[in-house]
Amino acid sequence: MITKKRKLANAKVDINKAYSLKEASSLVKEINTTKFDSSVDLHIKLGVDPKKADQAIRGTVSLPHGTGKTKKVLVLCTPDKEAAAKDAGADFVGLDEFITKIEGGWTDIDVIIATPSVMPKIGKLGKVLGPRNLMPNPKTGTVTNDVAAAVNEVKGGKIAFKVDKVGIIHASIGRVSFSAEKIAENSQELINALVKLKPSSSKGTYLKGVSMASTMSPGILIDTKSVSN
C-alpha cells in the first residue's frame, strides 16, 4: 500500500530524467515524506570489479558540513591513551571489557578506533565487526596511535566508504534539514574522493551511475556529467 504522501513524492520525480546535482539536492528535500530528519544517501555505481584487490575501492572523506548525525565512537586502547581519547570526545574508552561486550553481541556504536598495539586482541572480533563494517582498519584511519585526532575527525564529519560486491558505494551524506547547497557540496566531496581513487586497471566508464534518496523517498537519478570535474 503506497501512502498518499509517497504517491505525491513519486509524482514529483521524473524516473526518465537525469537531474543535475544541484536540482537533485533541492528535490530530495521537497519529496521527503517522513516526520523525522531523514538521512540523505548517495548510491554510486562504479565501473570496477570488486573481486580484484586493486579495484576494491574503500577510503574515507571529511564532508565539509558533516553528516548531521552524532556518531558514537569506541576507542580500544591501552590505559596510557585513554585520557586523550576521552578528552577528544570518545563515547566509550577501554579494552578488555569492551572486547567481552562485543563478543556477547554488543555493537551499539558507529565507529571503532584502535591503537596498533591492541589489534592482535581485536582480531578475534572480525566475525562480529566485519559484517557491520566496524572493524578498525589502517586504510580508513581507524588504526592509529593518535586516537585524539581520529576521534576529532569522525566527530567532525569524516565518513568511511567501501564498494559492495556489485560495485556500488552507499553513503549517508547529510540530512533533509540541510540546505540544498550543503547537500550538493557534501555529495560532490564524496564523488571527488572516489574519482581520486580510480584504479588504473579500471577500463571504460568509471562513474556509471549516481542516485540520491532520503529515507523512504523515491530515488533521484543524477546526471554524472554534473558531478564530473
C-alpha atoms as a PDB file:
ATOM      1  CA  MET A   1       0.000   0.000   0.000  1.00  0.00           C
ATOM      2  CA  ILE A   2       1.573   3.288  -1.135  1.00  0.00           C
ATOM      3  CA  THR A   3       0.725   6.230   1.096  1.00  0.00           C
ATOM      4  CA  LYS A   4      -0.763   9.461  -0.287  1.00  0.00           C
ATOM      5  CA  LYS A   5       2.455  11.309   0.606  1.00  0.00           C
ATOM      6  CA  ARG A   6       4.596   8.743  -1.210  1.00  0.00           C
ATOM      7  CA  LYS A   7       2.326   8.985  -4.297  1.00  0.00           C
ATOM      8  CA  LEU A   8       2.808  12.767  -4.321  1.00  0.00           C
ATOM      9  CA  ALA A   9       6.572  12.326  -3.891  1.00  0.00           C
ATOM     10  CA  ASN A  10       6.703   9.782  -6.730  1.00  0.00           C
ATOM     11  CA  ALA A  11       4.782  12.181  -8.967  1.00  0.00           C
ATOM     12  CA  LYS A  12       7.409  14.888  -8.484  1.00  0.00           C
ATOM     13  CA  VAL A  13      10.298  12.682  -9.655  1.00  0.00           C
ATOM     14  CA  ASP A  14      10.633  12.001 -13.376  1.00  0.00           C
ATOM     15  CA  ILE A  15      12.156   8.498 -13.458  1.00  0.00           C
ATOM     16  CA  ASN A  16      13.298   9.027 -17.057  1.00  0.00           C
ATOM     17  CA  LYS A  17      15.248  12.184 -16.254  1.00  0.00           C
ATOM     18  CA  ALA A  18      18.820  12.534 -15.007  1.00  0.00           C
ATOM     19  CA  TYR A  19      18.868  15.629 -12.783  1.00  0.00           C
ATOM     20  CA  SER A  20      21.842  17.887 -12.148  1.00  0.00           C
ATOM     21  CA  LEU A  21      23.376  17.533  -8.670  1.00  0.00           C
ATOM     22  CA  LYS A  22      22.001  20.978  -7.797  1.00  0.00           C
ATOM     23  CA  GLU A  23      18.450  20.032  -8.904  1.00  0.00           C
ATOM     24  CA  ALA A  24      18.579  16.678  -7.079  1.00  0.00           C
ATOM     25  CA  SER A  25      19.765  18.343  -3.849  1.00  0.00           C
ATOM     26  CA  SER A  26      16.696  20.634  -3.886  1.00  0.00           C
ATOM     27  CA  LEU A  27      14.287  17.919  -4.992  1.00  0.00           C
ATOM     28  CA  VAL A  28      15.330  15.449  -2.277  1.00  0.00           C
ATOM     29  CA  LYS A  29      14.191  17.997   0.327  1.00  0.00           C
ATOM     30  CA  GLU A  30      10.905  18.619  -1.485  1.00  0.00           C
ATOM     31  CA  ILE A  31       9.870  14.955  -1.717  1.00  0.00           C
ATOM     32  CA  ASN A  32      10.748  13.908   1.829  1.00  0.00           C
ATOM     33  CA  THR A  33       7.718  12.155   3.376  1.00  0.00           C
ATOM     34  CA  THR A  34       8.957  11.423   6.896  1.00  0.00           C
ATOM     35  CA  LYS A  35       8.232  13.429  10.034  1.00  0.00           C
ATOM     36  CA  PHE A  36      11.800  12.943  11.284  1.00  0.00           C
ATOM     37  CA  ASP A  37      15.010  14.456   9.911  1.00  0.00           C
ATOM     38  CA  SER A  38      15.730  11.832   7.253  1.00  0.00           C
ATOM     39  CA  SER A  39      19.175  10.800   6.164  1.00  0.00           C
ATOM     40  CA  VAL A  40      20.157  11.729   2.597  1.00  0.00           C
ATOM     41  CA  ASP A  41      22.096   8.937   0.891  1.00  0.00           C
ATOM     42  CA  LEU A  42      24.108   8.672  -2.293  1.00  0.00           C
ATOM     43  CA  HIS A  43      24.334   5.424  -4.255  1.00  0.00           C
ATOM     44  CA  ILE A  44      27.217   5.433  -6.733  1.00  0.00           C
ATOM     45  CA  LYS A  45      27.746   2.648  -9.265  1.00  0.00           C
ATOM     46  CA  LEU A  46      31.418   2.362 -10.220  1.00  0.00           C
ATOM     47  CA  GLY A  47      32.947   0.668 -13.241  1.00  0.00           C
ATOM     48  CA  VAL A  48      35.100  -1.640 -11.131  1.00  0.00           C
ATOM     49  CA  ASP A  49      35.380  -5.342 -10.362  1.00  0.00           C
ATOM     50  CA  PRO A  50      35.392  -5.536  -6.532  1.00  0.00           C
ATOM     51  CA  LYS A  51      36.744  -9.117  -6.710  1.00  0.00           C
ATOM     52  CA  LYS A  52      40.077  -7.673  -7.897  1.00  0.00           C
ATOM     53  CA  ALA A  53      42.096  -6.394  -4.926  1.00  0.00           C
ATOM     54  CA  ASP A  54      43.188  -3.191  -6.662  1.00  0.00           C
ATOM     55  CA  GLN A  55      39.573  -2.364  -7.605  1.00  0.00           C
ATOM     56  CA  ALA A  56      38.007  -2.989  -4.170  1.00  0.00           C
ATOM     57  CA  ILE A  57      37.548   0.737  -3.553  1.00  0.00           C
ATOM     58  CA  ARG A  58      37.498   1.882   0.067  1.00  0.00           C
ATOM     59  CA  GLY A  59      38.558   5.001   1.911  1.00  0.00           C
ATOM     60  CA  THR A  60      37.408   7.986   3.917  1.00  0.00           C
ATOM     61  CA  VAL A  61      36.343  11.544   3.235  1.00  0.00           C
ATOM     62  CA  SER A  62      35.680  14.506   5.516  1.00  0.00           C
ATOM     63  CA  LEU A  63      32.366  16.030   4.492  1.00  0.00           C
ATOM     64  CA  PRO A  64      32.516  19.849   4.699  1.00  0.00           C
ATOM     65  CA  HIS A  65      29.173  20.038   6.521  1.00  0.00           C
ATOM     66  CA  GLY A  66      29.311  16.771   8.470  1.00  0.00           C
ATOM     67  CA  THR A  67      26.585  14.135   8.240  1.00  0.00           C
ATOM     68  CA  GLY A  68      24.131  15.710  10.665  1.00  0.00           C
ATOM     69  CA  LYS A  69      24.415  12.642  12.854  1.00  0.00           C
ATOM     70  CA  THR A  70      26.482  12.483  16.011  1.00  0.00           C
ATOM     71  CA  LYS A  71      28.478   9.294  15.725  1.00  0.00           C
ATOM     72  CA  LYS A  72      29.069   7.067  18.728  1.00  0.00           C
ATOM     73  CA  VAL A  73      32.777   6.300  18.914  1.00  0.00           C
ATOM     74  CA  LEU A  74      34.507   3.479  20.822  1.00  0.00           C
ATOM     75  CA  VAL A  75      38.267   3.706  21.309  1.00  0.00           C
ATOM     76  CA  LEU A  76      40.052   0.438  22.121  1.00  0.00           C
ATOM     77  CA  CYS A  77      43.445   1.276  23.555  1.00  0.00           C
ATOM     78  CA  THR A  78      45.949   0.810  26.364  1.00  0.00           C
ATOM     79  CA  PRO A  79      45.426   2.851  29.585  1.00  0.00           C
ATOM     80  CA  ASP A  80      48.032   5.481  28.602  1.00  0.00           C
ATOM     81  CA  LYS A  81      45.851   6.582  25.647  1.00  0.00           C
ATOM     82  CA  GLU A  82      42.516   6.632  27.491  1.00  0.00           C
ATOM     83  CA  ALA A  83      42.633  10.252  28.726  1.00  0.00           C
ATOM     84  CA  ALA A  84      43.414  11.613  25.235  1.00  0.00           C
ATOM     85  CA  ALA A  85      40.526   9.628  23.735  1.00  0.00           C
ATOM     86  CA  LYS A  86      38.070  10.824  26.398  1.00  0.00           C
ATOM     87  CA  ASP A  87      39.190  14.452  26.077  1.00  0.00           C
ATOM     88  CA  ALA A  88      38.643  14.281  22.300  1.00  0.00           C
ATOM     89  CA  GLY A  89      35.027  13.212  22.874  1.00  0.00           C
ATOM     90  CA  ALA A  90      35.052   9.422  22.530  1.00  0.00           C
ATOM     91  CA  ASP A  91      31.816   7.929  23.877  1.00  0.00           C
ATOM     92  CA  PHE A  92      33.420   4.714  25.119  1.00  0.00           C
ATOM     93  CA  VAL A  93      37.072   4.077  26.011  1.00  0.00           C
ATOM     94  CA  GLY A  94      38.717   0.908  27.258  1.00  0.00           C
ATOM     95  CA  LEU A  95      39.770  -2.514  26.059  1.00  0.00           C
ATOM     96  CA  ASP A  96      39.077  -5.890  27.672  1.00  0.00           C
ATOM     97  CA  GLU A  97      35.591  -5.083  28.989  1.00  0.00           C
ATOM     98  CA  PHE A  98      34.508  -3.866  25.520  1.00  0.00           C
ATOM     99  CA  ILE A  99      36.042  -6.877  23.769  1.00  0.00           C
ATOM    100  CA  THR A 100      33.929  -9.062  26.077  1.00  0.00           C
ATOM    101  CA  LYS A 101      30.799  -6.961  25.372  1.00  0.00           C
ATOM    102  CA  ILE A 102      31.330  -7.182  21.587  1.00  0.00           C
ATOM    103  CA  GLU A 103      31.876 -10.956  21.822  1.00  0.00           C
ATOM    104  CA  GLY A 104      28.471 -11.036  23.527  1.00  0.00           C
ATOM    105  CA  GLY A 105      26.900  -9.226  20.552  1.00  0.00           C
ATOM    106  CA  TRP A 106      27.101  -5.557  21.614  1.00  0.00           C
ATOM    107  CA  THR A 107      27.580  -3.255  18.610  1.00  0.00           C
ATOM    108  CA  ASP A 108      25.788  -0.075  19.680  1.00  0.00           C
ATOM    109  CA  ILE A 109      28.489   2.136  18.160  1.00  0.00           C
ATOM    110  CA  ASP A 110      29.102   3.753  14.776  1.00  0.00           C
ATOM    111  CA  VAL A 111      32.909   3.744  14.631  1.00  0.00           C
ATOM    112  CA  ILE A 112      35.664   1.826  16.433  1.00  0.00           C
ATOM    113  CA  ILE A 113      39.154   3.326  16.654  1.00  0.00           C
ATOM    114  CA  ALA A 114      42.044   1.195  17.911  1.00  0.00           C
ATOM    115  CA  THR A 115      45.758   1.617  18.542  1.00  0.00           C
ATOM    116  CA  PRO A 116      48.065  -0.727  16.564  1.00  0.00           C
ATOM    117  CA  SER A 117      49.305  -2.420  19.756  1.00  0.00           C
ATOM    118  CA  VAL A 118      45.832  -3.784  20.644  1.00  0.00           C
ATOM    119  CA  MET A 119      44.941  -5.063  17.154  1.00  0.00           C
ATOM    120  CA  PRO A 120      46.091  -8.649  17.889  1.00  0.00           C
ATOM    121  CA  LYS A 121      43.473  -8.781  20.670  1.00  0.00           C
ATOM    122  CA  ILE A 122      40.755  -7.397  18.389  1.00  0.00           C
ATOM    123  CA  GLY A 123      41.360  -9.824  15.504  1.00  0.00           C
ATOM    124  CA  LYS A 124      39.018 -12.393  17.007  1.00  0.00           C
ATOM    125  CA  LEU A 125      36.135  -9.905  16.808  1.00  0.00           C
ATOM    126  CA  GLY A 126      36.170  -9.986  12.993  1.00  0.00           C
ATOM    127  CA  LYS A 127      33.120 -12.264  12.806  1.00  0.00           C
ATOM    128  CA  VAL A 128      31.026  -9.717  14.718  1.00  0.00           C
ATOM    129  CA  LEU A 129      32.551  -6.466  13.436  1.00  0.00           C
ATOM    130  CA  GLY A 130      33.340  -7.391   9.803  1.00  0.00           C
ATOM    131  CA  PRO A 131      29.756  -7.748   8.539  1.00  0.00           C
ATOM    132  CA  ARG A 132      28.829  -4.453  10.248  1.00  0.00           C
ATOM    133  CA  ASN A 133      31.776  -2.591   8.693  1.00  0.00           C
ATOM    134  CA  LEU A 134      33.055  -1.754  12.199  1.00  0.00           C
ATOM    135  CA  MET A 135      36.459  -3.443  12.097  1.00  0.00           C
ATOM    136  CA  PRO A 136      39.262  -0.880  12.625  1.00  0.00           C
ATOM    137  CA  ASN A 137      41.427  -0.546   9.527  1.00  0.00           C
ATOM    138  CA  PRO A 138      44.589   1.492   8.818  1.00  0.00           C
ATOM    139  CA  LYS A 139      43.174   2.431   5.376  1.00  0.00           C
ATOM    140  CA  THR A 140      40.289   4.280   6.983  1.00  0.00           C
ATOM    141  CA  GLY A 141      42.434   5.904   9.669  1.00  0.00           C
ATOM    142  CA  THR A 142      40.804   3.910  12.468  1.00  0.00           C
ATOM    143  CA  VAL A 143      44.018   2.088  13.451  1.00  0.00           C
ATOM    144  CA  THR A 144      46.296   4.818  14.782  1.00  0.00           C
ATOM    145  CA  ASN A 145      48.351   5.911  17.765  1.00  0.00           C
ATOM    146  CA  ASP A 146      46.873   9.427  17.515  1.00  0.00           C
ATOM    147  CA  VAL A 147      43.475   8.467  18.882  1.00  0.00           C
ATOM    148  CA  ALA A 148      42.518  12.074  19.686  1.00  0.00           C
ATOM    149  CA  ALA A 149      42.936  13.198  16.051  1.00  0.00           C
ATOM    150  CA  ALA A 150      40.982  10.166  14.811  1.00  0.00           C
ATOM    151  CA  VAL A 151      38.087  10.871  17.221  1.00  0.00           C
ATOM    152  CA  ASN A 152      38.029  14.548  16.200  1.00  0.00           C
ATOM    153  CA  GLU A 153      37.874  13.604  12.508  1.00  0.00           C
ATOM    154  CA  VAL A 154      34.987  11.176  12.990  1.00  0.00           C
ATOM    155  CA  LYS A 155      33.041  13.612  15.151  1.00  0.00           C
ATOM    156  CA  GLY A 156      33.743  16.370  12.623  1.00  0.00           C
ATOM    157  CA  GLY A 157      32.131  14.591   9.675  1.00  0.00           C
ATOM    158  CA  LYS A 158      34.648  12.055   8.406  1.00  0.00           C
ATOM    159  CA  ILE A 159      32.925   9.041   6.856  1.00  0.00           C
ATOM    160  CA  ALA A 160      34.265   5.722   5.622  1.00  0.00           C
ATOM    161  CA  PHE A 161      33.059   4.156   2.380  1.00  0.00           C
ATOM    162  CA  LYS A 162      33.537   0.767   0.762  1.00  0.00           C
ATOM    163  CA  VAL A 163      32.385  -0.646  -2.548  1.00  0.00           C
ATOM    164  CA  ASP A 164      29.934  -3.537  -2.198  1.00  0.00           C
ATOM    165  CA  LYS A 165      30.199  -6.817  -4.096  1.00  0.00           C
ATOM    166  CA  VAL A 166      28.308  -5.450  -7.123  1.00  0.00           C
ATOM    167  CA  GLY A 167      30.402  -2.280  -7.406  1.00  0.00           C
ATOM    168  CA  ILE A 168      28.162   0.212  -5.601  1.00  0.00           C
ATOM    169  CA  ILE A 169      29.132   2.716  -2.891  1.00  0.00           C
ATOM    170  CA  HIS A 170      26.318   3.556  -0.445  1.00  0.00           C
ATOM    171  CA  ALA A 171      26.943   6.556   1.823  1.00  0.00           C
ATOM    172  CA  SER A 172      24.948   8.923   4.017  1.00  0.00           C
ATOM    173  CA  ILE A 173      25.970  12.473   3.132  1.00  0.00           C
ATOM    174  CA  GLY A 174      23.601  14.572   5.241  1.00  0.00           C
ATOM    175  CA  ARG A 175      20.050  15.198   6.384  1.00  0.00           C
ATOM    176  CA  VAL A 176      16.977  16.650   4.687  1.00  0.00           C
ATOM    177  CA  SER A 177      17.182  19.592   7.117  1.00  0.00           C
ATOM    178  CA  PHE A 178      20.450  20.627   5.410  1.00  0.00           C
ATOM    179  CA  SER A 179      20.240  23.361   2.781  1.00  0.00           C
ATOM    180  CA  ALA A 180      20.321  22.156  -0.840  1.00  0.00           C
ATOM    181  CA  GLU A 181      23.763  23.794  -1.151  1.00  0.00           C
ATOM    182  CA  LYS A 182      25.167  21.768   1.763  1.00  0.00           C
ATOM    183  CA  ILE A 183      23.711  18.518   0.387  1.00  0.00           C
ATOM    184  CA  ALA A 184      25.281  19.255  -3.014  1.00  0.00           C
ATOM    185  CA  GLU A 185      28.670  20.212  -1.523  1.00  0.00           C
ATOM    186  CA  ASN A 186      28.838  17.091   0.656  1.00  0.00           C
ATOM    187  CA  SER A 187      27.843  14.931  -2.323  1.00  0.00           C
ATOM    188  CA  GLN A 188      30.473  16.488  -4.556  1.00  0.00           C
ATOM    189  CA  GLU A 189      33.155  15.982  -1.882  1.00  0.00           C
ATOM    190  CA  LEU A 190      32.410  12.240  -1.733  1.00  0.00           C
ATOM    191  CA  ILE A 191      32.401  11.925  -5.530  1.00  0.00           C
ATOM    192  CA  ASN A 192      35.708  13.834  -5.781  1.00  0.00           C
ATOM    193  CA  ALA A 193      37.242  11.394  -3.264  1.00  0.00           C
ATOM    194  CA  LEU A 194      36.038   8.418  -5.333  1.00  0.00           C
ATOM    195  CA  VAL A 195      37.376   9.890  -8.579  1.00  0.00           C
ATOM    196  CA  LYS A 196      40.818  10.286  -6.970  1.00  0.00           C
ATOM    197  CA  LEU A 197      40.748   6.579  -6.071  1.00  0.00           C
ATOM    198  CA  LYS A 198      40.037   5.408  -9.637  1.00  0.00           C
ATOM    199  CA  PRO A 199      42.292   2.373 -10.179  1.00  0.00           C
ATOM    200  CA  SER A 200      44.456   2.422 -13.310  1.00  0.00           C
ATOM    201  CA  SER A 201      43.205  -1.091 -14.129  1.00  0.00           C
ATOM    202  CA  SER A 202      39.576   0.123 -14.344  1.00  0.00           C
ATOM    203  CA  LYS A 203      38.647   0.418 -18.029  1.00  0.00           C
ATOM    204  CA  GLY A 204      35.674   2.164 -19.598  1.00  0.00           C
ATOM    205  CA  THR A 205      33.272   4.420 -17.695  1.00  0.00           C
ATOM    206  CA  TYR A 206      34.218   4.799 -14.038  1.00  0.00           C
ATOM    207  CA  LEU A 207      31.232   6.783 -12.714  1.00  0.00           C
ATOM    208  CA  LYS A 208      28.486   4.594 -14.163  1.00  0.00           C
ATOM    209  CA  GLY A 209      25.534   5.919 -12.208  1.00  0.00           C
ATOM    210  CA  VAL A 210      24.685   8.193  -9.298  1.00  0.00           C
ATOM    211  CA  SER A 211      21.390   8.440  -7.449  1.00  0.00           C
ATOM    212  CA  MET A 212      20.219  10.275  -4.344  1.00  0.00           C
ATOM    213  CA  ALA A 213      17.434   9.379  -1.932  1.00  0.00           C
ATOM    214  CA  SER A 214      16.251  10.220   1.546  1.00  0.00           C
ATOM    215  CA  THR A 215      14.782   7.649   3.930  1.00  0.00           C
ATOM    216  CA  MET A 216      11.604   6.185   2.380  1.00  0.00           C
ATOM    217  CA  SER A 217      11.628   8.574  -0.601  1.00  0.00           C
ATOM    218  CA  PRO A 218      11.962   7.666  -4.285  1.00  0.00           C
ATOM    219  CA  GLY A 219      15.459   7.717  -5.745  1.00  0.00           C
ATOM    220  CA  ILE A 220      16.577  10.629  -7.929  1.00  0.00           C
ATOM    221  CA  LEU A 221      18.872   9.833 -10.859  1.00  0.00           C
ATOM    222  CA  ILE A 222      21.777  12.285 -11.159  1.00  0.00           C
ATOM    223  CA  ASP A 223      23.440  13.210 -14.438  1.00  0.00           C
ATOM    224  CA  THR A 224      27.048  12.054 -13.990  1.00  0.00           C
ATOM    225  CA  LYS A 225      28.219  14.961 -16.201  1.00  0.00           C
ATOM    226  CA  SER A 226      27.026  17.373 -13.494  1.00  0.00           C
ATOM    227  CA  VAL A 227      29.362  15.847 -10.905  1.00  0.00           C
ATOM    228  CA  SER A 228      32.444  15.233 -13.062  1.00  0.00           C
ATOM    229  CA  ASN A 229      35.245  17.744 -12.644  1.00  0.00           C
END
